Amino acid sequence: MKSVRDEKADRQMDRMLSRALTQQAKPDAALQQKICSQWKERREMNRNQKWVAAAVAAACVLAVTVSVGAAGRYLSSRQVAEEFNMDNMARAFSQGDGIEINQTQTYGEYNVTLLGLTSGANLGWAQPEEIEKEKTYAVVAIEKADGTSMPDGTDDQEISQDFFVSPLIEGYNPVNFNVMTMDGSVTWDVINGVEYRIVECDNVEIFADHKLHLCVMDSIFYNKDAYDYDPETGTITPNAKYAGMNLLFDLPLDASKADPQKVEEYLKDFTPVFSEVDEADGDSASANGEQTPDAGDLLSEYVEYVSSGEWKKEVAESECVIEKTMMNNPEEGMYTLDFQIDLDDGSQNSGTFYFYDRDFLDGVAVQRSYYSSSEEGMYHKVIVVAEKQEDGTVTLRAYVCLVPESEINVA
């Protein structure tokens, strides 16, 4: 029989492995501003094609149901924090510094419950230099409506569904303001058949004089087609024509916690992916107020990075883990690389990279991302290089190497 100490050690190891298995992209600020603009989301077809077809077929009759009172069926926000060894967060919920919400919405085969919300400093796995930075944490439970267990990664035959969970702020285009652009990350694990997620991002409590939401989608990144954003009123609503999960919870934040001065300071250092323009500005604006990028929108940092050949040195120090060649898609001018990288430390990164014709400089386009590693203080750097050939084909290669966290802070 295991002792209490052994059980706690096992639980801590489980949490560490869970963190390693979770895609926690920490974007390179300059390059990812361009990359984020290419989040034209698609599910990985081999994983979700059948489910998507079912969702489309049922779109006319499927209703999203909302219920309150999920407490008792799931772990509480405090218990989830304890399971993830976030002791300070657990203490915050215990002392009433968190908001218990316990609202459930159902879409398709999933019940999604927003358990709770809290904001503050040093509530997650904060590094010493990050203790003073306040963050917002949302605790979410996802289960299958039929009562079967969510995949936990232990069965090779069972593939986990991707979910994107993020706070959204009315008055701010969600393409620009979501967990990926607001220094966010996600940690998840399956406990007793239920998938629990803690989502972290910059403190949105300072925007509490605005209406705030939590979105949940069945995709890896934010999908601009899932929600409608009205640039005139600032409202954010689910797109009724979207064939997929696009749940939207209200976040009941105390308006007195708003801090316009902090918002002003925050926005000074925040560079949006798209310039938010009015629809009246003409063809340069999309239906939801986004600036449509063209060749002239390439960031100077990106141009310098690719043109200087700096990426070649990084590639030389990395291991090539994926190579894929494809013909140009004349309709969209887009190339994709689905990747699943099994790393030496047992962790796994997966997702999709997108390249557009406009990204290429002298036949080369490069993307660089960082992902968490189970080795303390280290991150996996993934570099994807797309090279156009004379015959019109494009070869994509993904390289990976282990780098110290300090590289991310100065990149």
Foldseek 3Di string as FASTA:
>chain_A
DDDPVRVLVVLQVQLLQLQLQFFFWQFQQQQVLQQLLVCQFDADCVVCVVVLVVLLVCLVPWDKDKDADCPPVDDAPLVVCVSNVQNQLSVCVVVVQKAATFMWIDDDFKIKTFGIKHKDFSRGVDDPVRRHFMKIKTKMKMATPVPAAADFPPDPVHDHFAKFKWKDWQLDQVSFDTQNQQRKTKGWGTDPRMIMMMIMGGDCLQRLLTWMKMWMWRTHDDHSQQWAAANVRSDIGGDSNDSTGTDIGTDPHDSVSHDVVVVVVVVVPGDGSFDFDHPVVPPQADRRRGGDDALVPRDPVQVCCVVVCVVVVVQVVWAWDDKDKDAADVVFQKDKDWDWDQDPQRYIDTHMGMDHPSQDDPFKHKGWIWGDHSDPQKIKIKMWMWGADPVRMIMIIITIDIDGPVVSVVD
